[in-house]
Amino acid sequence: MAGGSPRQVVPPPPPPAAVRFSASNLWREQRRFYLEKGIGAWSSQVPYQATCNPVLANAYAQLIVRFLQDRARAGPPPAHPAVLLELGSGPGLFGFLTVTRLLELLEMLALPELRFLYVMSDFSAENVAFWRTRPELAPLVRQGVLDFAQYDVGAGGDLQLLESGLLLDRGRFAQNGGEPLIVLANYVFDTLPQDVFRMAGGRLLEGRTTGLPEGVSLPTLDNSLLALSQLGVGLEFHEAALPYYGDPFFDAVLKEYLEAPGEQSVLFPLHALQGLRDLAEIAQGHVLLIATDKALSHRPPGLSAEASDLAMHGASFSLLVNFHALGAYVLARGGSVVHQPMPQTINTSVFYLGGSLDRLPETKSAISTFLLDFSPGHLLTLLGQSGTPEAFGSPDFLLAILDLARWDPSYLNGCIEQLVELAKTADPVLHQALLDGLHWCAEQLYALPGNDTTFANAAIAFQELKDYATALSLHRRALEAFGGEPRDRYANTLYNMGLCHYHLGEKEEALDAFRRADAAAPRKDMMAKGWIHHLTVEAEPPR
């Protein structure tokens, strides 16, 4: 162009370098989601009921007690309580249920000498801070059976306990005479970084990805399945060779896959394996790991760019976990493994480093009874994907399912109408059975964002059964835990508190509750106004 300077051509930015799948920025976004959401991640987006329930807590507790009994027979009592470490405790519900059940079992079996310290852990400081404010957990902390730690699976480091100030390191476990560290991991490994490989014709190919495009975040989707390609993420495979990781046991697992006949894609649970290795280092090589996840144990899961492998939970995701690889790693180190014999909705496996399960008869019996014969996964299958018993119309069938579910509070919302109808027509025997079941349910209530409806439904069920004192205490707990929002629900709770006070003969308290209900929703709650009038007239002295 005459008289002008040449136009500068700006070249496009170079494409980001392809990295191993475990180093993809997908995992960075995953971590950011949990850090930003904190405890709110479990209010509606991240599923937890499949592993945070009384059935799984009972199964774990039974197994742990039998394991402690086996260990007690093997030698002198340890110098310190057995350490139970829960990884990725999230909302804290599972720890609450498990510690409570452990205490019940030790009392029931008259085993006060079997001492334990349960440690809830998470990488999110906000989650840890939430547990330390929970009224449900405070008595367990005071009793000295529960403590907390901020711990990042796969990142290494010792365990600094926040309540007692104890440091769980190699020295501590050395003093404990080789007592194993008991590790619990539920719905944890499916959210941790993994690698992917392809085995083809005796060649080892590593999966590499450029990750999410610049400026793109994970979409917010609930209960959706996506492929990597739908996120703009490609997956390509490049030549690799053994040794690959530099850890002889990790490489031994890869070698086993490489020597298997045929071609296959393999997800390799890198951070789960690193986490297990780190904890074994602390515990002098002695670890009992009980893990429940959406996992495959009899063959390795794979990953491709086009298959819908990513399950979205809000702006987070999960992948199948390769329990087969975890088992191969433990076996390579001379340990023992028990996998469930049939694939289920969720799978539980037991991994034991530092010995043979064949020498632990009580433990083997508990595994058979509580994880193999009838497992938490079986119950989920019976209830279906909805996770509620509302489809079971027969009262006998409904009560049988609730008993099998150990009166899990999360089921109340799906069957409250049926329970209320049963309560209205119950004969004395059924009335008492319902009361007993609901008291069991109430003992397991744990306040989390989003589950205020469960508290309300439990209280209403007690009201229908005319146990007004228990109903009133649950209404109070709901107000303490969830406050005054939303206003309509707040008004309904106050109204029901008024009814409970009235039936308990506490008329002044009833009048106060009705007045507060009317003030909370003055245009809506005409029933409260009626009760206010009735009680005011009733309180007036005769003329």
Protein backbone atom coordinates (compact mmCIF):
# COMPACT_ATOMS: atom_id res chain seq x y z
CA MET A 1 0.00 0.00 0.00
CA ALA A 2 1.58 3.33 -1.15
CA GLY A 3 2.70 5.64 1.66
CA GLY A 4 1.64 3.19 4.37
CA SER A 5 3.51 0.87 6.67
CA PRO A 6 3.05 -2.84 6.15
CA ARG A 7 0.23 -4.44 8.22
CA GLN A 8 1.48 -6.66 11.02
CA VAL A 9 0.21 -10.21 10.81
CA VAL A 10 -0.25 -11.67 14.27
CA PRO A 11 0.29 -15.41 14.17
CA PRO A 12 -2.18 -17.56 16.07
CA PRO A 13 -1.00 -18.76 19.47
CA PRO A 14 0.68 -22.15 19.33
CA PRO A 15 -1.49 -25.04 20.48
CA PRO A 16 -0.81 -26.08 24.05
CA ALA A 17 1.54 -28.99 24.44
CA ALA A 18 -0.04 -32.38 24.91
CA VAL A 19 0.48 -33.76 28.42
CA ARG A 20 -0.24 -36.99 30.20
CA PHE A 21 -3.90 -37.31 31.07
CA SER A 22 -3.21 -37.03 34.82
CA ALA A 23 -1.61 -33.60 34.16
CA SER A 24 -4.57 -32.27 32.15
CA ASN A 25 -6.19 -29.02 33.26
CA LEU A 26 -9.44 -31.00 33.59
CA TRP A 27 -8.23 -32.00 37.02
CA ARG A 28 -7.35 -28.42 37.90
CA GLU A 29 -10.93 -27.40 37.10
CA GLN A 30 -12.19 -30.34 39.13
CA ARG A 31 -10.18 -29.21 42.13
CA ARG A 32 -11.31 -25.61 41.71
CA PHE A 33 -14.95 -26.70 41.78
CA TYR A 34 -14.59 -28.44 45.14
CA LEU A 35 -12.57 -25.60 46.64
CA GLU A 36 -15.05 -22.94 45.52
CA LYS A 37 -18.21 -24.88 46.39
CA GLY A 38 -16.97 -26.23 49.70
CA ILE A 39 -19.65 -28.04 51.63
CA GLY A 40 -22.25 -26.68 49.19
CA ALA A 41 -21.03 -29.16 46.56
CA TRP A 42 -23.09 -31.85 48.31
CA SER A 43 -26.28 -29.84 48.65
CA SER A 44 -27.58 -30.80 45.21
CA GLN A 45 -24.82 -31.51 42.68
CA VAL A 46 -22.38 -34.14 43.92
CA PRO A 47 -24.03 -37.48 44.77
CA TYR A 48 -23.17 -38.97 48.14
CA GLN A 49 -26.16 -41.02 49.36
CA ALA A 50 -24.92 -44.25 47.73
CA THR A 51 -21.94 -44.34 50.09
CA CYS A 52 -23.03 -42.07 52.98
CA ASN A 53 -25.69 -44.32 54.45
CA PRO A 54 -26.29 -46.53 57.51
CA VAL A 55 -25.97 -49.78 55.53
CA LEU A 56 -22.44 -49.09 54.31
CA ALA A 57 -21.47 -47.59 57.69
CA ASN A 58 -22.65 -50.78 59.42
CA ALA A 59 -20.76 -52.98 56.94
CA TYR A 60 -17.54 -51.06 57.48
CA ALA A 61 -17.97 -50.95 61.25
CA GLN A 62 -18.59 -54.70 61.43
CA LEU A 63 -15.49 -55.38 59.35
CA ILE A 64 -13.33 -52.99 61.39
CA VAL A 65 -14.39 -54.48 64.74
CA ARG A 66 -13.67 -58.01 63.50
CA PHE A 67 -10.31 -56.86 62.19
CA LEU A 68 -9.44 -55.31 65.56
CA GLN A 69 -10.47 -58.57 67.26
CA ASP A 70 -8.16 -60.55 64.95
CA ARG A 71 -5.30 -58.18 65.67
CA ALA A 72 -5.91 -58.35 69.44
CA ARG A 73 -5.54 -62.13 69.34
CA ALA A 74 -2.26 -61.87 67.44
CA GLY A 75 -0.26 -60.08 70.12
CA PRO A 76 -0.15 -57.67 73.06
CA PRO A 77 -2.50 -54.67 73.04
CA PRO A 78 -1.16 -51.74 71.02
CA ALA A 79 0.17 -48.68 72.80
CA HIS A 80 -2.28 -46.35 71.05
CA PRO A 81 -5.83 -46.59 69.70
CA ALA A 82 -6.14 -47.99 66.18
CA VAL A 83 -6.21 -45.16 63.63
CA LEU A 84 -9.08 -45.13 61.14
CA LEU A 85 -8.50 -42.58 58.37
CA GLU A 86 -11.36 -41.60 56.09
CA LEU A 87 -10.17 -40.00 52.84
CA GLY A 88 -12.24 -37.28 51.20
CA SER A 89 -14.83 -37.15 53.98
CA GLY A 90 -16.77 -34.42 52.13
CA PRO A 91 -19.96 -33.65 54.05
CA GLY A 92 -18.89 -35.69 57.10
CA LEU A 93 -22.04 -37.83 57.21
CA PHE A 94 -20.30 -41.17 56.69
CA GLY A 95 -17.85 -40.52 59.52
CA PHE A 96 -20.73 -39.65 61.86
CA LEU A 97 -22.63 -42.84 60.99
CA THR A 98 -19.56 -45.09 61.17
CA VAL A 99 -18.18 -43.82 64.48
CA THR A 100 -21.64 -44.06 66.04
CA ARG A 101 -22.04 -47.64 64.83
CA LEU A 102 -18.52 -48.61 65.97
CA LEU A 103 -19.31 -47.41 69.50
CA GLU A 104 -22.57 -49.37 69.49
CA LEU A 105 -20.84 -52.57 68.36
CA LEU A 106 -18.01 -52.32 70.90
CA GLU A 107 -20.55 -51.84 73.69
CA MET A 108 -22.77 -54.63 72.38
CA LEU A 109 -19.83 -57.06 72.16
CA ALA A 110 -18.34 -55.92 75.51
CA LEU A 111 -15.00 -54.99 73.94
CA PRO A 112 -13.93 -51.78 75.72
CA GLU A 113 -10.27 -52.75 75.24
CA LEU A 114 -10.56 -52.27 71.47
CA ARG A 115 -9.83 -48.55 71.21
CA PHE A 116 -9.94 -46.49 68.03
CA LEU A 117 -9.46 -42.95 66.76
CA TYR A 118 -11.42 -42.06 63.63
CA VAL A 119 -9.88 -39.27 61.53
CA MET A 120 -12.01 -37.47 58.95
CA SER A 121 -9.90 -35.81 56.26
CA ASP A 122 -10.30 -33.70 53.14
CA PHE A 123 -8.11 -31.40 51.06
CA SER A 124 -10.68 -28.57 51.41
CA ALA A 125 -10.11 -26.41 54.49
CA GLU A 126 -13.74 -25.24 54.29
CA ASN A 127 -15.03 -28.80 54.61
CA VAL A 128 -12.81 -29.42 57.63
CA ALA A 129 -14.00 -26.19 59.24
CA PHE A 130 -17.63 -27.26 58.64
CA TRP A 131 -17.15 -30.54 60.53
CA ARG A 132 -15.68 -28.70 63.50
CA THR A 133 -18.94 -26.76 63.91
CA ARG A 134 -21.30 -29.75 63.68
CA PRO A 135 -23.29 -30.42 66.86
CA GLU A 136 -23.70 -34.06 65.77
CA LEU A 137 -19.91 -34.57 65.78
CA ALA A 138 -19.00 -32.56 68.90
CA PRO A 139 -19.83 -35.33 71.44
CA LEU A 140 -17.64 -37.79 69.51
CA VAL A 141 -14.74 -35.32 69.58
CA ARG A 142 -15.17 -34.82 73.33
CA GLN A 143 -15.19 -38.59 73.78
CA GLY A 144 -11.80 -38.78 72.10
CA VAL A 145 -12.87 -41.10 69.26
CA LEU A 146 -13.04 -38.50 66.45
CA ASP A 147 -10.51 -36.03 65.07
CA PHE A 148 -9.96 -34.09 61.84
CA ALA A 149 -7.12 -33.46 59.40
CA GLN A 150 -6.62 -31.52 56.19
CA TYR A 151 -5.05 -34.09 53.88
CA ASP A 152 -4.58 -34.18 50.11
CA VAL A 153 -4.64 -37.71 48.68
CA GLY A 154 -1.61 -38.34 46.47
CA ALA A 155 0.28 -35.24 47.61
CA GLY A 156 2.12 -36.96 50.47
CA GLY A 157 2.83 -35.52 53.90
CA ASP A 158 2.05 -36.53 57.47
CA LEU A 159 -1.33 -36.30 59.16
CA GLN A 160 -1.60 -33.40 61.60
CA LEU A 161 -4.71 -33.83 63.74
CA LEU A 162 -6.52 -30.60 64.51
CA GLU A 163 -8.40 -31.35 67.73
CA SER A 164 -5.80 -33.35 69.68
CA GLY A 165 -2.70 -31.85 68.04
CA LEU A 166 -1.30 -35.34 67.41
CA LEU A 167 1.02 -35.92 64.46
CA LEU A 168 0.47 -39.25 62.75
CA ASP A 169 3.82 -40.04 61.18
CA ARG A 170 6.20 -42.99 60.85
CA GLY A 171 7.37 -42.57 64.44
CA ARG A 172 3.85 -42.80 65.80
CA PHE A 173 3.13 -46.05 63.95
CA ALA A 174 6.53 -47.47 64.90
CA GLN A 175 5.57 -46.95 68.58
CA ASN A 176 2.31 -48.80 67.97
CA GLY A 177 4.02 -52.13 67.34
CA GLY A 178 3.22 -52.41 63.65
CA GLU A 179 -0.51 -51.80 64.08
CA PRO A 180 -1.98 -51.22 60.59
CA LEU A 181 -3.56 -47.98 59.46
CA ILE A 182 -7.20 -48.58 58.51
CA VAL A 183 -8.17 -46.42 55.52
CA LEU A 184 -11.70 -45.81 54.23
CA ALA A 185 -12.30 -44.31 50.79
CA ASN A 186 -15.82 -43.78 49.42
CA TYR A 187 -16.51 -41.95 46.17
CA VAL A 188 -13.00 -40.48 46.36
CA PHE A 189 -10.82 -42.21 43.78
CA ASP A 190 -13.31 -41.56 40.94
CA THR A 191 -12.53 -37.82 41.16
CA LEU A 192 -8.72 -38.06 41.39
CA PRO A 193 -6.29 -37.70 38.45
CA GLN A 194 -5.76 -40.82 36.37
CA ASP A 195 -3.60 -41.76 33.40
CA VAL A 196 -4.74 -43.69 30.35
CA PHE A 197 -2.83 -46.19 28.24
CA ARG A 198 -3.47 -48.31 25.21
CA MET A 199 -1.92 -51.74 24.87
CA ALA A 200 -1.67 -52.76 21.22
CA GLY A 201 0.37 -55.62 19.77
CA GLY A 202 2.81 -55.63 22.69
CA ARG A 203 3.28 -51.85 22.44
CA LEU A 204 2.68 -49.47 25.34
CA LEU A 205 1.01 -46.23 24.25
CA GLU A 206 0.44 -43.35 26.69
CA GLY A 207 -2.62 -41.12 26.40
CA ARG A 208 -1.94 -37.41 26.04
CA THR A 209 -4.37 -34.53 25.92
CA THR A 210 -4.17 -30.78 25.39
CA GLY A 211 -6.88 -30.37 28.02
CA LEU A 212 -9.65 -27.77 28.02
CA PRO A 213 -9.20 -24.96 25.49
CA GLU A 214 -7.95 -21.65 26.91
CA GLY A 215 -10.69 -19.76 28.75
CA VAL A 216 -13.08 -22.75 28.77
CA SER A 217 -14.37 -24.20 32.05
CA LEU A 218 -16.21 -27.40 32.77
CA PRO A 219 -19.93 -27.02 32.02
CA THR A 220 -22.43 -27.13 34.86
CA LEU A 221 -24.48 -30.26 34.22
CA ASP A 222 -26.20 -32.65 36.60
CA ASN A 223 -26.35 -36.40 36.01
CA SER A 224 -25.10 -36.09 32.43
CA LEU A 225 -22.60 -38.24 30.57
CA LEU A 226 -20.13 -36.48 28.31
CA ALA A 227 -17.25 -37.44 26.05
CA LEU A 228 -13.91 -35.65 26.11
CA SER A 229 -14.53 -34.48 22.54
CA GLN A 230 -17.72 -32.69 23.64
CA LEU A 231 -15.54 -30.53 25.89
CA GLY A 232 -13.17 -29.74 23.04
CA VAL A 233 -10.58 -32.09 24.53
CA GLY A 234 -8.70 -34.45 22.30
CA LEU A 235 -6.94 -37.65 23.31
CA GLU A 236 -4.01 -39.02 21.34
CA PHE A 237 -1.73 -41.96 22.04
CA HIS A 238 2.07 -41.91 21.80
CA GLU A 239 4.76 -44.54 22.12
CA ALA A 240 5.98 -45.19 25.65
CA ALA A 241 8.16 -47.78 27.30
CA LEU A 242 8.74 -49.53 30.59
CA PRO A 243 9.90 -48.58 33.16
CA TYR A 244 7.42 -45.74 32.95
CA TYR A 245 6.73 -44.40 36.44
CA GLY A 246 9.95 -45.32 38.20
CA ASP A 247 7.95 -47.07 40.93
CA PRO A 248 8.61 -50.79 40.43
CA PHE A 249 5.15 -51.79 41.62
CA PHE A 250 3.32 -49.27 39.42
CA ASP A 251 5.37 -50.50 36.47
CA ALA A 252 4.65 -54.12 37.41
CA VAL A 253 0.92 -53.42 37.02
CA LEU A 254 1.51 -51.82 33.61
CA LYS A 255 3.62 -54.82 32.58
CA GLU A 256 0.80 -57.16 33.54
CA TYR A 257 -1.58 -55.26 31.26
CA LEU A 258 0.97 -55.11 28.48
CA GLU A 259 1.41 -58.87 28.51
CA ALA A 260 -2.33 -59.60 28.45
CA PRO A 261 -3.62 -60.91 25.09
CA GLY A 262 -5.46 -58.58 22.71
CA GLU A 263 -5.72 -54.82 22.64
CA GLN A 264 -7.20 -52.71 25.40
CA SER A 265 -7.50 -49.19 26.77
CA VAL A 266 -6.67 -48.89 30.47
CA LEU A 267 -7.39 -46.14 32.99
CA PHE A 268 -4.57 -46.11 35.53
CA PRO A 269 -5.58 -44.67 38.96
CA LEU A 270 -2.35 -42.75 39.50
CA HIS A 271 -3.30 -40.53 42.44
CA ALA A 272 -5.19 -43.33 44.19
CA LEU A 273 -2.08 -45.52 43.96
CA GLN A 274 0.19 -42.68 45.07
CA GLY A 275 -2.12 -42.06 48.02
CA LEU A 276 -2.03 -45.71 49.05
CA ARG A 277 1.77 -45.77 48.68
CA ASP A 278 2.13 -42.59 50.81
CA LEU A 279 -0.03 -43.99 53.59
CA ALA A 280 1.80 -47.32 53.53
CA GLU A 281 5.02 -45.37 53.99
CA ILE A 282 3.63 -43.68 57.10
CA ALA A 283 2.19 -46.92 58.50
CA GLN A 284 5.36 -49.00 58.11
CA GLY A 285 3.83 -50.90 55.16
CA HIS A 286 0.70 -52.02 57.06
CA VAL A 287 -2.57 -50.69 55.61
CA LEU A 288 -6.11 -52.06 55.47
CA LEU A 289 -7.99 -50.14 52.76
CA ILE A 290 -11.76 -50.49 52.36
CA ALA A 291 -12.96 -48.64 49.26
CA THR A 292 -16.38 -48.21 47.68
CA ASP A 293 -16.75 -46.46 44.35
CA LYS A 294 -18.12 -46.70 40.82
CA ALA A 295 -15.36 -49.07 39.90
CA LEU A 296 -14.40 -52.18 37.94
CA SER A 297 -12.45 -54.86 39.77
CA HIS A 298 -12.34 -57.85 37.42
CA ARG A 299 -11.08 -55.97 34.39
CA PRO A 300 -9.62 -52.49 33.83
CA PRO A 301 -11.90 -49.67 32.63
CA GLY A 302 -10.80 -47.67 29.59
CA LEU A 303 -11.18 -44.17 28.17
CA SER A 304 -11.59 -42.74 24.69
CA ALA A 305 -12.20 -39.29 23.24
CA GLU A 306 -15.61 -40.16 21.82
CA ALA A 307 -17.19 -42.42 24.44
CA SER A 308 -19.38 -40.87 27.15
CA ASP A 309 -16.98 -41.69 29.97
CA LEU A 310 -17.29 -38.52 32.08
CA ALA A 311 -20.20 -38.38 34.52
CA MET A 312 -20.93 -34.73 35.24
CA HIS A 313 -21.95 -33.53 38.72
CA GLY A 314 -22.39 -29.78 38.47
CA ALA A 315 -19.09 -28.41 37.16
CA SER A 316 -17.24 -31.50 38.33
CA PHE A 317 -16.93 -35.00 36.93
CA SER A 318 -16.10 -38.56 37.86
CA LEU A 319 -14.59 -41.50 36.01
CA LEU A 320 -14.71 -45.22 36.61
CA VAL A 321 -11.99 -46.38 38.99
CA ASN A 322 -9.65 -49.24 38.17
CA PHE A 323 -9.94 -51.35 41.33
CA HIS A 324 -8.31 -54.12 39.29
CA ALA A 325 -5.08 -52.06 39.16
CA LEU A 326 -5.25 -51.25 42.88
CA GLY A 327 -5.60 -54.96 43.56
CA ALA A 328 -2.72 -55.85 41.25
CA TYR A 329 -0.53 -53.29 43.05
CA VAL A 330 -1.36 -54.71 46.48
CA LEU A 331 -0.75 -58.27 45.30
CA ALA A 332 2.59 -57.21 43.79
CA ARG A 333 3.59 -55.94 47.24
CA GLY A 334 2.67 -59.26 48.86
CA GLY A 335 -0.73 -58.20 50.17
CA SER A 336 -4.27 -59.61 49.93
CA VAL A 337 -7.33 -58.44 48.02
CA VAL A 338 -11.03 -59.26 48.12
CA HIS A 339 -13.26 -58.00 45.30
CA GLN A 340 -17.02 -58.43 45.13
CA PRO A 341 -17.77 -61.36 42.82
CA MET A 342 -20.32 -59.57 40.63
CA PRO A 343 -20.28 -56.02 39.16
CA GLN A 344 -22.80 -53.79 40.97
CA THR A 345 -24.06 -50.21 40.88
CA ILE A 346 -21.22 -49.45 43.26
CA ASN A 347 -18.39 -51.83 44.10
CA THR A 348 -16.57 -52.41 47.34
CA SER A 349 -13.11 -53.97 47.59
CA VAL A 350 -10.82 -54.71 50.53
CA PHE A 351 -7.04 -54.30 50.09
CA TYR A 352 -4.62 -55.46 52.80
CA LEU A 353 -0.94 -54.55 52.74
CA GLY A 354 1.40 -56.16 55.22
CA GLY A 355 -0.12 -59.58 55.66
CA SER A 356 -2.61 -62.18 54.52
CA LEU A 357 -6.34 -62.01 55.12
CA ASP A 358 -6.28 -65.80 55.41
CA ARG A 359 -4.78 -65.30 58.88
CA LEU A 360 -7.70 -63.08 59.95
CA PRO A 361 -10.77 -65.34 60.27
CA GLU A 362 -13.05 -62.79 61.93
CA THR A 363 -12.23 -60.25 59.23
CA LYS A 364 -12.85 -62.74 56.43
CA SER A 365 -16.20 -63.67 57.98
CA ALA A 366 -17.27 -60.02 58.18
CA ILE A 367 -16.25 -59.40 54.56
CA SER A 368 -18.29 -62.41 53.45
CA THR A 369 -21.37 -61.45 55.48
CA PHE A 370 -21.50 -57.67 55.04
CA LEU A 371 -19.83 -57.04 51.67
CA LEU A 372 -20.36 -60.21 49.63
CA ASP A 373 -23.56 -61.98 50.75
CA PHE A 374 -25.68 -58.81 50.95
CA SER A 375 -23.86 -55.65 50.03
CA PRO A 376 -24.78 -51.96 49.96
CA GLY A 377 -24.67 -52.27 46.17
CA HIS A 378 -27.37 -54.96 46.31
CA LEU A 379 -29.65 -52.58 48.22
CA LEU A 380 -29.14 -49.85 45.62
CA THR A 381 -30.03 -52.33 42.90
CA LEU A 382 -33.24 -53.28 44.75
CA LEU A 383 -34.26 -49.66 45.16
CA GLY A 384 -33.34 -48.71 41.61
CA GLN A 385 -31.56 -45.60 40.44
CA SER A 386 -34.04 -43.29 42.17
CA GLY A 387 -32.81 -44.41 45.57
CA THR A 388 -36.27 -44.12 47.16
CA PRO A 389 -38.82 -46.76 48.20
CA GLU A 390 -41.84 -44.74 47.04
CA ALA A 391 -42.69 -47.33 44.36
CA PHE A 392 -43.33 -50.01 47.01
CA GLY A 393 -47.03 -49.71 47.73
CA SER A 394 -47.47 -52.58 50.18
CA PRO A 395 -46.98 -51.48 53.81
CA ASP A 396 -45.20 -54.75 54.64
CA PHE A 397 -42.87 -54.32 51.66
CA LEU A 398 -42.20 -50.68 52.49
CA LEU A 399 -41.29 -51.48 56.10
CA ALA A 400 -39.10 -54.40 55.00
CA ILE A 401 -37.15 -52.11 52.67
CA LEU A 402 -36.79 -49.46 55.39
CA ASP A 403 -35.50 -52.09 57.81
CA LEU A 404 -33.00 -53.38 55.23
CA ALA A 405 -31.90 -49.76 54.67
CA ARG A 406 -31.51 -49.40 58.47
CA TRP A 407 -34.04 -46.56 58.36
CA ASP A 408 -31.79 -44.32 56.31
CA PRO A 409 -33.14 -40.76 56.77
CA SER A 410 -32.61 -39.99 53.07
CA TYR A 411 -35.48 -42.36 52.20
CA LEU A 412 -38.05 -40.43 54.25
CA ASN A 413 -38.63 -37.84 51.55
CA GLY A 414 -39.69 -40.56 49.11
CA CYS A 415 -42.13 -42.36 51.38
CA ILE A 416 -43.38 -39.78 53.90
CA GLU A 417 -46.94 -39.83 52.53
CA GLN A 418 -47.11 -43.61 52.86
CA LEU A 419 -45.75 -43.46 56.40
CA VAL A 420 -48.27 -40.79 57.38
CA GLU A 421 -51.14 -42.89 55.99
CA LEU A 422 -49.84 -45.93 57.86
CA ALA A 423 -49.63 -43.90 61.08
CA LYS A 424 -53.30 -42.83 60.79
CA THR A 425 -54.57 -46.42 60.69
CA ALA A 426 -51.86 -48.30 62.59
CA ASP A 427 -52.84 -50.84 65.23
CA PRO A 428 -50.79 -50.81 68.47
CA VAL A 429 -48.19 -53.29 67.16
CA LEU A 430 -47.62 -51.43 63.89
CA HIS A 431 -47.71 -48.09 65.72
CA GLN A 432 -44.86 -49.22 67.97
CA ALA A 433 -42.89 -50.64 65.02
CA LEU A 434 -43.17 -47.32 63.20
CA LEU A 435 -42.10 -45.41 66.31
CA ASP A 436 -39.10 -47.68 66.83
CA GLY A 437 -38.04 -47.29 63.20
CA LEU A 438 -38.44 -43.53 63.24
CA HIS A 439 -36.43 -43.19 66.45
CA TRP A 440 -33.68 -45.18 64.76
CA CYS A 441 -33.98 -42.83 61.79
CA ALA A 442 -33.86 -39.71 63.99
CA GLU A 443 -30.64 -40.85 65.68
CA GLN A 444 -28.98 -40.80 62.25
CA LEU A 445 -30.09 -37.31 61.17
CA TYR A 446 -27.20 -35.07 60.16
CA ALA A 447 -27.76 -31.46 59.09
CA LEU A 448 -26.39 -30.64 55.64
CA PRO A 449 -27.24 -27.82 53.24
CA GLY A 450 -30.27 -28.91 51.27
CA ASN A 451 -31.59 -31.67 53.53
CA ASP A 452 -33.86 -29.55 55.73
CA THR A 453 -36.85 -31.33 54.14
CA THR A 454 -35.67 -34.57 55.72
CA PHE A 455 -35.78 -33.04 59.21
CA ALA A 456 -39.26 -31.66 58.52
CA ASN A 457 -40.57 -35.00 57.25
CA ALA A 458 -39.14 -36.89 60.23
CA ALA A 459 -40.83 -34.44 62.60
CA ILE A 460 -44.15 -34.70 60.76
CA ALA A 461 -44.04 -38.50 60.95
CA PHE A 462 -43.59 -38.31 64.73
CA GLN A 463 -46.47 -35.85 64.96
CA GLU A 464 -48.77 -38.28 63.13
CA LEU A 465 -47.73 -40.99 65.59
CA LYS A 466 -48.54 -38.58 68.46
CA ASP A 467 -44.96 -38.51 69.76
CA TYR A 468 -45.10 -34.74 70.11
CA ALA A 469 -42.01 -34.35 72.30
CA THR A 470 -39.74 -35.99 69.71
CA ALA A 471 -41.40 -34.09 66.88
CA LEU A 472 -40.85 -30.82 68.73
CA SER A 473 -37.15 -31.57 69.31
CA LEU A 474 -36.68 -32.28 65.59
CA HIS A 475 -38.42 -29.04 64.62
CA ARG A 476 -36.08 -27.17 66.97
CA ARG A 477 -33.05 -28.91 65.45
CA ALA A 478 -34.25 -27.91 61.99
CA LEU A 479 -34.53 -24.26 63.01
CA GLU A 480 -31.07 -24.32 64.61
CA ALA A 481 -29.49 -25.97 61.57
CA PHE A 482 -31.28 -24.22 58.72
CA GLY A 483 -32.47 -20.90 60.14
CA GLY A 484 -35.46 -18.94 58.90
CA GLU A 485 -35.25 -19.43 55.15
CA PRO A 486 -37.23 -19.98 53.03
CA ARG A 487 -39.92 -18.04 54.85
CA ASP A 488 -42.80 -20.38 54.01
CA ARG A 489 -40.95 -23.42 55.35
CA TYR A 490 -39.90 -21.44 58.42
CA ALA A 491 -43.55 -20.52 59.05
CA ASN A 492 -44.66 -24.15 58.58
CA THR A 493 -42.07 -25.34 61.09
CA LEU A 494 -43.21 -22.77 63.66
CA TYR A 495 -46.84 -23.73 63.05
CA ASN A 496 -46.07 -27.41 63.63
CA MET A 497 -44.14 -26.50 66.77
CA GLY A 498 -47.26 -24.73 67.98
CA LEU A 499 -49.31 -27.89 67.45
CA CYS A 500 -46.77 -29.99 69.35
CA HIS A 501 -46.73 -27.56 72.28
CA TYR A 502 -50.55 -27.53 72.36
CA HIS A 503 -50.82 -31.34 72.47
CA LEU A 504 -48.20 -31.39 75.23
CA GLY A 505 -50.37 -28.99 77.26
CA GLU A 506 -47.92 -26.11 76.82
CA LYS A 507 -50.42 -23.49 75.73
CA GLU A 508 -48.33 -20.37 76.30
CA GLU A 509 -45.49 -21.83 74.22
CA ALA A 510 -48.02 -22.88 71.58
CA LEU A 511 -49.44 -19.35 71.35
CA ASP A 512 -45.94 -17.91 70.99
CA ALA A 513 -45.11 -20.37 68.16
CA PHE A 514 -48.34 -19.59 66.30
CA ARG A 515 -47.71 -15.85 66.59
CA ARG A 516 -44.19 -16.31 65.19
CA ALA A 517 -45.58 -18.41 62.34
CA ASP A 518 -48.11 -15.70 61.55
CA ALA A 519 -45.42 -13.01 61.62
CA ALA A 520 -43.24 -15.06 59.24
CA ALA A 521 -46.01 -15.47 56.64
CA PRO A 522 -48.89 -13.16 57.65
CA ARG A 523 -50.80 -13.33 54.37
CA LYS A 524 -50.61 -17.08 54.00
CA ASP A 525 -51.02 -18.89 57.29
CA MET A 526 -54.71 -18.45 58.15
CA MET A 527 -54.55 -21.59 60.29
CA ALA A 528 -52.06 -19.90 62.59
CA LYS A 529 -54.41 -16.95 62.94
CA GLY A 530 -57.19 -19.35 63.89
CA TRP A 531 -55.10 -20.95 66.59
CA ILE A 532 -54.03 -17.53 67.90
CA HIS A 533 -57.68 -16.53 68.23
CA HIS A 534 -58.63 -19.84 69.86
CA LEU A 535 -55.84 -19.76 72.43
CA THR A 536 -56.31 -16.06 73.17
CA VAL A 537 -60.03 -16.57 73.88
CA GLU A 538 -59.27 -19.70 75.90
CA ALA A 539 -56.79 -17.76 78.05
CA GLU A 540 -59.21 -14.95 78.83
CA PRO A 541 -60.71 -15.12 82.33
CA PRO A 542 -64.44 -15.83 82.43
CA ARG A 543 -66.67 -12.80 82.82
